[in-house]
Amino acid sequence: MRSRFVNALLLGGTLVLTAACATSDEWAEWQKHSSHFASGHHMLFSLRHTEGAAPRVSRRDLDSARAESWWGKTITVSAEQIFRE
């Protein structure tokens, strides 16, 4: 009985915490996919680009995003901001 209560409490806490961090549009987008990121490169790119950080985008990032159909918040950069690796 105690483990059921603990499990329910943990599940409820997790739902409350995660629900507060995403908008309904973000949840709808994430539910369309089987994982949080399209690939390891997508994950590393997202970890490098947090809120408020200046975008640093390479041609490889753009090619991977197109080929792997990345999803999530779009980062817009001008052609001059794309760097060569």
PDB file of N, CA and C in Angstrom:
ATOM      1  N   MET A   1       0.821  -1.188   0.000  1.00  0.00           N
ATOM      2  CA  MET A   1       0.000   0.000   0.000  1.00  0.00           C
ATOM      3  C   MET A   1       0.863   1.249   0.000  1.00  0.00           C
ATOM      4  N   ARG A   2       1.912   1.218   0.810  1.00  0.00           N
ATOM      5  CA  ARG A   2       2.781   2.386   0.912  1.00  0.00           C
ATOM      6  C   ARG A   2       3.475   2.672  -0.421  1.00  0.00           C
ATOM      7  N   SER A   3       3.908   1.612  -1.133  1.00  0.00           N
ATOM      8  CA  SER A   3       4.610   1.843  -2.397  1.00  0.00           C
ATOM      9  C   SER A   3       3.671   2.439  -3.448  1.00  0.00           C
ATOM     10  N   ARG A   4       2.413   2.079  -3.427  1.00  0.00           N
ATOM     11  CA  ARG A   4       1.440   2.681  -4.349  1.00  0.00           C
ATOM     12  C   ARG A   4       1.299   4.177  -4.082  1.00  0.00           C
ATOM     13  N   PHE A   5       1.251   4.529  -2.809  1.00  0.00           N
ATOM     14  CA  PHE A   5       1.138   5.940  -2.439  1.00  0.00           C
ATOM     15  C   PHE A   5       2.373   6.715  -2.888  1.00  0.00           C
ATOM     16  N   VAL A   6       3.540   6.163  -2.639  1.00  0.00           N
ATOM     17  CA  VAL A   6       4.792   6.814  -3.025  1.00  0.00           C
ATOM     18  C   VAL A   6       4.858   6.952  -4.551  1.00  0.00           C
ATOM     19  N   ASN A   7       4.503   5.908  -5.275  1.00  0.00           N
ATOM     20  CA  ASN A   7       4.500   5.972  -6.737  1.00  0.00           C
ATOM     21  C   ASN A   7       3.521   7.028  -7.248  1.00  0.00           C
ATOM     22  N   ALA A   8       2.336   7.078  -6.683  1.00  0.00           N
ATOM     23  CA  ALA A   8       1.342   8.074  -7.088  1.00  0.00           C
ATOM     24  C   ALA A   8       1.844   9.479  -6.791  1.00  0.00           C
ATOM     25  N   LEU A   9       2.460   9.658  -5.643  1.00  0.00           N
ATOM     26  CA  LEU A   9       3.003  10.956  -5.262  1.00  0.00           C
ATOM     27  C   LEU A   9       4.114  11.383  -6.219  1.00  0.00           C
ATOM     28  N   LEU A  10       5.016  10.477  -6.550  1.00  0.00           N
ATOM     29  CA  LEU A  10       6.096  10.785  -7.487  1.00  0.00           C
ATOM     30  C   LEU A  10       5.556  11.110  -8.877  1.00  0.00           C
ATOM     31  N   LEU A  11       4.606  10.340  -9.338  1.00  0.00           N
ATOM     32  CA  LEU A  11       4.012  10.585 -10.648  1.00  0.00           C
ATOM     33  C   LEU A  11       3.304  11.931 -10.667  1.00  0.00           C
ATOM     34  N   GLY A  12       2.531  12.217  -9.643  1.00  0.00           N
ATOM     35  CA  GLY A  12       1.836  13.500  -9.563  1.00  0.00           C
ATOM     36  C   GLY A  12       2.806  14.666  -9.520  1.00  0.00           C
ATOM     37  N   GLY A  13       3.865  14.554  -8.737  1.00  0.00           N
ATOM     38  CA  GLY A  13       4.878  15.615  -8.664  1.00  0.00           C
ATOM     39  C   GLY A  13       5.572  15.832  -9.985  1.00  0.00           C
ATOM     40  N   THR A  14       5.881  14.744 -10.661  1.00  0.00           N
ATOM     41  CA  THR A  14       6.527  14.844 -11.976  1.00  0.00           C
ATOM     42  C   THR A  14       5.617  15.542 -12.973  1.00  0.00           C
ATOM     43  N   LEU A  15       4.353  15.181 -12.982  1.00  0.00           N
ATOM     44  CA  LEU A  15       3.404  15.808 -13.902  1.00  0.00           C
ATOM     45  C   LEU A  15       3.255  17.297 -13.631  1.00  0.00           C
ATOM     46  N   VAL A  16       3.185  17.669 -12.374  1.00  0.00           N
ATOM     47  CA  VAL A  16       3.051  19.081 -12.013  1.00  0.00           C
ATOM     48  C   VAL A  16       4.291  19.853 -12.444  1.00  0.00           C
ATOM     49  N   LEU A  17       5.466  19.319 -12.163  1.00  0.00           N
ATOM     50  CA  LEU A  17       6.701  20.017 -12.515  1.00  0.00           C
ATOM     51  C   LEU A  17       6.885  20.142 -14.025  1.00  0.00           C
ATOM     52  N   THR A  18       6.612  19.089 -14.757  1.00  0.00           N
ATOM     53  CA  THR A  18       6.817  19.150 -16.206  1.00  0.00           C
ATOM     54  C   THR A  18       5.737  19.960 -16.886  1.00  0.00           C
ATOM     55  N   ALA A  19       4.537  19.935 -16.390  1.00  0.00           N
ATOM     56  CA  ALA A  19       3.452  20.702 -17.000  1.00  0.00           C
ATOM     57  C   ALA A  19       3.707  22.194 -16.865  1.00  0.00           C
ATOM     58  N   ALA A  20       4.370  22.599 -15.808  1.00  0.00           N
ATOM     59  CA  ALA A  20       4.632  24.016 -15.584  1.00  0.00           C
ATOM     60  C   ALA A  20       5.740  24.551 -16.487  1.00  0.00           C
ATOM     61  N   CYS A  21       6.498  23.688 -17.115  1.00  0.00           N
ATOM     62  CA  CYS A  21       7.654  24.111 -17.894  1.00  0.00           C
ATOM     63  C   CYS A  21       7.385  24.216 -19.393  1.00  0.00           C
ATOM     64  N   ALA A  22       6.238  23.808 -19.864  1.00  0.00           N
ATOM     65  CA  ALA A  22       5.965  23.807 -21.301  1.00  0.00           C
ATOM     66  C   ALA A  22       4.573  24.375 -21.579  1.00  0.00           C
ATOM     67  N   THR A  23       4.466  25.069 -22.701  1.00  0.00           N
ATOM     68  CA  THR A  23       3.167  25.588 -23.114  1.00  0.00           C
ATOM     69  C   THR A  23       2.363  24.467 -23.762  1.00  0.00           C
ATOM     70  N   SER A  24       1.088  24.692 -23.963  1.00  0.00           N
ATOM     71  CA  SER A  24       0.259  23.671 -24.606  1.00  0.00           C
ATOM     72  C   SER A  24       0.720  23.413 -26.038  1.00  0.00           C
ATOM     73  N   ASP A  25       1.195  24.460 -26.729  1.00  0.00           N
ATOM     74  CA  ASP A  25       1.734  24.270 -28.088  1.00  0.00           C
ATOM     75  C   ASP A  25       2.983  23.405 -28.073  1.00  0.00           C
ATOM     76  N   GLU A  26       3.861  23.618 -27.082  1.00  0.00           N
ATOM     77  CA  GLU A  26       5.066  22.805 -26.969  1.00  0.00           C
ATOM     78  C   GLU A  26       4.714  21.348 -26.676  1.00  0.00           C
ATOM     79  N   TRP A  27       3.762  21.129 -25.781  1.00  0.00           N
ATOM     80  CA  TRP A  27       3.337  19.760 -25.486  1.00  0.00           C
ATOM     81  C   TRP A  27       2.772  19.097 -26.728  1.00  0.00           C
ATOM     82  N   ALA A  28       1.961  19.824 -27.488  1.00  0.00           N
ATOM     83  CA  ALA A  28       1.371  19.264 -28.709  1.00  0.00           C
ATOM     84  C   ALA A  28       2.464  18.864 -29.698  1.00  0.00           C
ATOM     85  N   GLU A  29       3.486  19.697 -29.826  1.00  0.00           N
ATOM     86  CA  GLU A  29       4.596  19.388 -30.739  1.00  0.00           C
ATOM     87  C   GLU A  29       5.362  18.161 -30.258  1.00  0.00           C
ATOM     88  N   TRP A  30       5.670  18.080 -28.963  1.00  0.00           N
ATOM     89  CA  TRP A  30       6.441  16.962 -28.431  1.00  0.00           C
ATOM     90  C   TRP A  30       5.675  15.649 -28.538  1.00  0.00           C
ATOM     91  N   GLN A  31       4.365  15.699 -28.418  1.00  0.00           N
ATOM     92  CA  GLN A  31       3.565  14.479 -28.487  1.00  0.00           C
ATOM     93  C   GLN A  31       3.538  13.885 -29.893  1.00  0.00           C
ATOM     94  N   LYS A  32       3.925  14.651 -30.892  1.00  0.00           N
ATOM     95  CA  LYS A  32       3.973  14.156 -32.271  1.00  0.00           C
ATOM     96  C   LYS A  32       5.189  13.255 -32.512  1.00  0.00           C
ATOM     97  N   HIS A  33       6.150  13.257 -31.583  1.00  0.00           N
ATOM     98  CA  HIS A  33       7.419  12.555 -31.787  1.00  0.00           C
ATOM     99  C   HIS A  33       7.626  11.471 -30.733  1.00  0.00           C
ATOM    100  N   SER A  34       8.408  10.462 -31.106  1.00  0.00           N
ATOM    101  CA  SER A  34       8.642   9.343 -30.194  1.00  0.00           C
ATOM    102  C   SER A  34       9.767   9.605 -29.190  1.00  0.00           C
ATOM    103  N   SER A  35      10.521  10.683 -29.386  1.00  0.00           N
ATOM    104  CA  SER A  35      11.599  11.025 -28.456  1.00  0.00           C
ATOM    105  C   SER A  35      11.698  12.540 -28.342  1.00  0.00           C
ATOM    106  N   HIS A  36      12.462  12.991 -27.371  1.00  0.00           N
ATOM    107  CA  HIS A  36      12.584  14.432 -27.150  1.00  0.00           C
ATOM    108  C   HIS A  36      13.428  15.099 -28.234  1.00  0.00           C
ATOM    109  N   PHE A  37      14.431  14.394 -28.745  1.00  0.00           N
ATOM    110  CA  PHE A  37      15.315  14.922 -29.784  1.00  0.00           C
ATOM    111  C   PHE A  37      15.355  13.977 -30.975  1.00  0.00           C
ATOM    112  N   ALA A  38      15.608  14.529 -32.158  1.00  0.00           N
ATOM    113  CA  ALA A  38      15.673  13.717 -33.373  1.00  0.00           C
ATOM    114  C   ALA A  38      16.956  12.885 -33.424  1.00  0.00           C
ATOM    115  N   SER A  39      18.026  13.369 -32.790  1.00  0.00           N
ATOM    116  CA  SER A  39      19.326  12.677 -32.825  1.00  0.00           C
ATOM    117  C   SER A  39      20.221  13.234 -31.723  1.00  0.00           C
ATOM    118  N   GLY A  40      21.393  12.646 -31.599  1.00  0.00           N
ATOM    119  CA  GLY A  40      22.374  13.164 -30.650  1.00  0.00           C
ATOM    120  C   GLY A  40      22.835  14.560 -31.029  1.00  0.00           C
ATOM    121  N   HIS A  41      22.997  14.816 -32.325  1.00  0.00           N
ATOM    122  CA  HIS A  41      23.403  16.146 -32.781  1.00  0.00           C
ATOM    123  C   HIS A  41      22.329  17.176 -32.427  1.00  0.00           C
ATOM    124  N   HIS A  42      21.069  16.811 -32.589  1.00  0.00           N
ATOM    125  CA  HIS A  42      19.959  17.697 -32.233  1.00  0.00           C
ATOM    126  C   HIS A  42      20.008  18.015 -30.735  1.00  0.00           C
ATOM    127  N   MET A  43      20.261  17.001 -29.911  1.00  0.00           N
ATOM    128  CA  MET A  43      20.342  17.209 -28.468  1.00  0.00           C
ATOM    129  C   MET A  43      21.488  18.154 -28.107  1.00  0.00           C
ATOM    130  N   LEU A  44      22.675  17.908 -28.666  1.00  0.00           N
ATOM    131  CA  LEU A  44      23.824  18.771 -28.366  1.00  0.00           C
ATOM    132  C   LEU A  44      23.577  20.201 -28.819  1.00  0.00           C
ATOM    133  N   PHE A  45      22.963  20.364 -29.988  1.00  0.00           N
ATOM    134  CA  PHE A  45      22.633  21.698 -30.485  1.00  0.00           C
ATOM    135  C   PHE A  45      21.685  22.400 -29.501  1.00  0.00           C
ATOM    136  N   SER A  46      20.667  21.698 -29.054  1.00  0.00           N
ATOM    137  CA  SER A  46      19.695  22.279 -28.131  1.00  0.00           C
ATOM    138  C   SER A  46      20.327  22.634 -26.787  1.00  0.00           C
ATOM    139  N   LEU A  47      21.225  21.809 -26.305  1.00  0.00           N
ATOM    140  CA  LEU A  47      21.898  22.098 -25.035  1.00  0.00           C
ATOM    141  C   LEU A  47      22.809  23.316 -25.147  1.00  0.00           C
ATOM    142  N   ARG A  48      23.389  23.531 -26.318  1.00  0.00           N
ATOM    143  CA  ARG A  48      24.238  24.709 -26.540  1.00  0.00           C
ATOM    144  C   ARG A  48      23.421  25.989 -26.641  1.00  0.00           C
ATOM    145  N   HIS A  49      22.166  25.881 -27.035  1.00  0.00           N
ATOM    146  CA  HIS A  49      21.337  27.056 -27.299  1.00  0.00           C
ATOM    147  C   HIS A  49      20.208  27.170 -26.285  1.00  0.00           C
ATOM    148  N   THR A  50      20.544  27.682 -25.117  1.00  0.00           N
ATOM    149  CA  THR A  50      19.547  27.893 -24.076  1.00  0.00           C
ATOM    150  C   THR A  50      18.975  29.299 -24.212  1.00  0.00           C
ATOM    151  N   GLU A  51      17.911  29.571 -23.488  1.00  0.00           N
ATOM    152  CA  GLU A  51      17.283  30.895 -23.525  1.00  0.00           C
ATOM    153  C   GLU A  51      18.315  31.980 -23.251  1.00  0.00           C
ATOM    154  N   GLY A  52      18.321  33.003 -24.074  1.00  0.00           N
ATOM    155  CA  GLY A  52      19.196  34.140 -23.872  1.00  0.00           C
ATOM    156  C   GLY A  52      20.593  33.986 -24.447  1.00  0.00           C
ATOM    157  N   ALA A  53      20.974  32.777 -24.838  1.00  0.00           N
ATOM    158  CA  ALA A  53      22.308  32.563 -25.407  1.00  0.00           C
ATOM    159  C   ALA A  53      22.314  33.010 -26.867  1.00  0.00           C
ATOM    160  N   ALA A  54      23.396  33.624 -27.293  1.00  0.00           N
ATOM    161  CA  ALA A  54      23.520  34.039 -28.693  1.00  0.00           C
ATOM    162  C   ALA A  54      23.626  32.799 -29.570  1.00  0.00           C
ATOM    163  N   PRO A  55      22.831  32.724 -30.639  1.00  0.00           N
ATOM    164  CA  PRO A  55      22.880  31.535 -31.501  1.00  0.00           C
ATOM    165  C   PRO A  55      24.241  31.369 -32.174  1.00  0.00           C
ATOM    166  N   ARG A  56      24.697  30.132 -32.235  1.00  0.00           N
ATOM    167  CA  ARG A  56      25.952  29.803 -32.924  1.00  0.00           C
ATOM    168  C   ARG A  56      25.630  28.602 -33.807  1.00  0.00           C
ATOM    169  N   VAL A  57      25.396  28.885 -35.084  1.00  0.00           N
ATOM    170  CA  VAL A  57      24.888  27.876 -36.015  1.00  0.00           C
ATOM    171  C   VAL A  57      25.897  27.633 -37.127  1.00  0.00           C
ATOM    172  N   SER A  58      26.165  26.361 -37.401  1.00  0.00           N
ATOM    173  CA  SER A  58      27.082  26.009 -38.486  1.00  0.00           C
ATOM    174  C   SER A  58      26.279  25.471 -39.671  1.00  0.00           C
ATOM    175  N   ARG A  59      26.933  25.369 -40.798  1.00  0.00           N
ATOM    176  CA  ARG A  59      26.300  24.777 -41.975  1.00  0.00           C
ATOM    177  C   ARG A  59      25.915  23.324 -41.669  1.00  0.00           C
ATOM    178  N   ARG A  60      26.744  22.622 -40.913  1.00  0.00           N
ATOM    179  CA  ARG A  60      26.435  21.232 -40.521  1.00  0.00           C
ATOM    180  C   ARG A  60      25.141  21.169 -39.706  1.00  0.00           C
ATOM    181  N   ASP A  61      24.954  22.146 -38.788  1.00  0.00           N
ATOM    182  CA  ASP A  61      23.718  22.197 -38.000  1.00  0.00           C
ATOM    183  C   ASP A  61      22.503  22.329 -38.922  1.00  0.00           C
ATOM    184  N   LEU A  62      22.600  23.221 -39.888  1.00  0.00           N
ATOM    185  CA  LEU A  62      21.487  23.433 -40.822  1.00  0.00           C
ATOM    186  C   LEU A  62      21.204  22.186 -41.651  1.00  0.00           C
ATOM    187  N   ASP A  63      22.258  21.562 -42.153  1.00  0.00           N
ATOM    188  CA  ASP A  63      22.087  20.342 -42.951  1.00  0.00           C
ATOM    189  C   ASP A  63      21.470  19.209 -42.126  1.00  0.00           C
ATOM    190  N   SER A  64      21.941  19.060 -40.886  1.00  0.00           N
ATOM    191  CA  SER A  64      21.401  18.014 -40.005  1.00  0.00           C
ATOM    192  C   SER A  64      19.941  18.289 -39.660  1.00  0.00           C
ATOM    193  N   ALA A  65      19.618  19.552 -39.393  1.00  0.00           N
ATOM    194  CA  ALA A  65      18.239  19.898 -39.042  1.00  0.00           C
ATOM    195  C   ALA A  65      17.281  19.548 -40.186  1.00  0.00           C
ATOM    196  N   ARG A  66      17.704  19.812 -41.402  1.00  0.00           N
ATOM    197  CA  ARG A  66      16.861  19.476 -42.559  1.00  0.00           C
ATOM    198  C   ARG A  66      16.771  17.964 -42.757  1.00  0.00           C
ATOM    199  N   ALA A  67      17.901  17.291 -42.718  1.00  0.00           N
ATOM    200  CA  ALA A  67      17.941  15.847 -42.982  1.00  0.00           C
ATOM    201  C   ALA A  67      17.200  15.040 -41.910  1.00  0.00           C
ATOM    202  N   GLU A  68      17.298  15.478 -40.648  1.00  0.00           N
ATOM    203  CA  GLU A  68      16.710  14.735 -39.535  1.00  0.00           C
ATOM    204  C   GLU A  68      15.351  15.273 -39.109  1.00  0.00           C
ATOM    205  N   SER A  69      14.884  16.325 -39.774  1.00  0.00           N
ATOM    206  CA  SER A  69      13.586  16.950 -39.446  1.00  0.00           C
ATOM    207  C   SER A  69      13.490  17.317 -37.967  1.00  0.00           C
ATOM    208  N   TRP A  70      14.446  18.141 -37.505  1.00  0.00           N
ATOM    209  CA  TRP A  70      14.431  18.577 -36.115  1.00  0.00           C
ATOM    210  C   TRP A  70      13.133  19.306 -35.815  1.00  0.00           C
ATOM    211  N   TRP A  71      12.717  19.294 -34.549  1.00  0.00           N
ATOM    212  CA  TRP A  71      11.537  20.018 -34.104  1.00  0.00           C
ATOM    213  C   TRP A  71      11.886  20.810 -32.862  1.00  0.00           C
ATOM    214  N   GLY A  72      10.986  21.643 -32.432  1.00  0.00           N
ATOM    215  CA  GLY A  72      11.191  22.461 -31.241  1.00  0.00           C
ATOM    216  C   GLY A  72      11.197  23.927 -31.605  1.00  0.00           C
ATOM    217  N   LYS A  73      11.677  24.740 -30.681  1.00  0.00           N
ATOM    218  CA  LYS A  73      11.714  26.179 -30.904  1.00  0.00           C
ATOM    219  C   LYS A  73      12.708  26.504 -32.021  1.00  0.00           C
ATOM    220  N   THR A  74      12.257  27.299 -32.970  1.00  0.00           N
ATOM    221  CA  THR A  74      13.098  27.658 -34.116  1.00  0.00           C
ATOM    222  C   THR A  74      14.092  28.748 -33.730  1.00  0.00           C
ATOM    223  N   ILE A  75      15.322  28.572 -34.169  1.00  0.00           N
ATOM    224  CA  ILE A  75      16.356  29.596 -33.995  1.00  0.00           C
ATOM    225  C   ILE A  75      16.600  30.217 -35.355  1.00  0.00           C
ATOM    226  N   THR A  76      16.446  31.532 -35.436  1.00  0.00           N
ATOM    227  CA  THR A  76      16.631  32.231 -36.700  1.00  0.00           C
ATOM    228  C   THR A  76      17.946  32.998 -36.669  1.00  0.00           C
ATOM    229  N   VAL A  77      18.747  32.802 -37.700  1.00  0.00           N
ATOM    230  CA  VAL A  77      20.011  33.531 -37.839  1.00  0.00           C
ATOM    231  C   VAL A  77      20.118  34.038 -39.266  1.00  0.00           C
ATOM    232  N   SER A  78      20.881  35.091 -39.438  1.00  0.00           N
ATOM    233  CA  SER A  78      21.122  35.604 -40.785  1.00  0.00           C
ATOM    234  C   SER A  78      22.270  34.815 -41.423  1.00  0.00           C
ATOM    235  N   ALA A  79      22.407  34.956 -42.730  1.00  0.00           N
ATOM    236  CA  ALA A  79      23.468  34.240 -43.442  1.00  0.00           C
ATOM    237  C   ALA A  79      24.857  34.588 -42.902  1.00  0.00           C
ATOM    238  N   GLU A  80      25.037  35.821 -42.451  1.00  0.00           N
ATOM    239  CA  GLU A  80      26.343  36.243 -41.933  1.00  0.00           C
ATOM    240  C   GLU A  80      26.674  35.563 -40.600  1.00  0.00           C
ATOM    241  N   GLN A  81      25.675  35.087 -39.887  1.00  0.00           N
ATOM    242  CA  GLN A  81      25.909  34.470 -38.574  1.00  0.00           C
ATOM    243  C   GLN A  81      26.243  32.980 -38.669  1.00  0.00           C
ATOM    244  N   ILE A  82      26.095  32.373 -39.840  1.00  0.00           N
ATOM    245  CA  ILE A  82      26.402  30.958 -40.000  1.00  0.00           C
ATOM    246  C   ILE A  82      27.911  30.810 -40.150  1.00  0.00           C
ATOM    247  N   PHE A  83      28.525  30.022 -39.286  1.00  0.00           N
ATOM    248  CA  PHE A  83      29.983  29.887 -39.334  1.00  0.00           C
ATOM    249  C   PHE A  83      30.389  28.569 -39.982  1.00  0.00           C
ATOM    250  N   ARG A  84      31.629  28.536 -40.441  1.00  0.00           N
ATOM    251  CA  ARG A  84      32.189  27.323 -41.039  1.00  0.00           C
ATOM    252  C   ARG A  84      32.940  26.565 -39.976  1.00  0.00           C
ATOM    253  N   GLU A  85      32.823  25.224 -40.008  1.00  0.00           N
ATOM    254  CA  GLU A  85      33.519  24.394 -39.038  1.00  0.00           C
ATOM    255  C   GLU A  85      34.886  24.023 -39.559  1.00  0.00           C
TER     256      GLU A  85
END
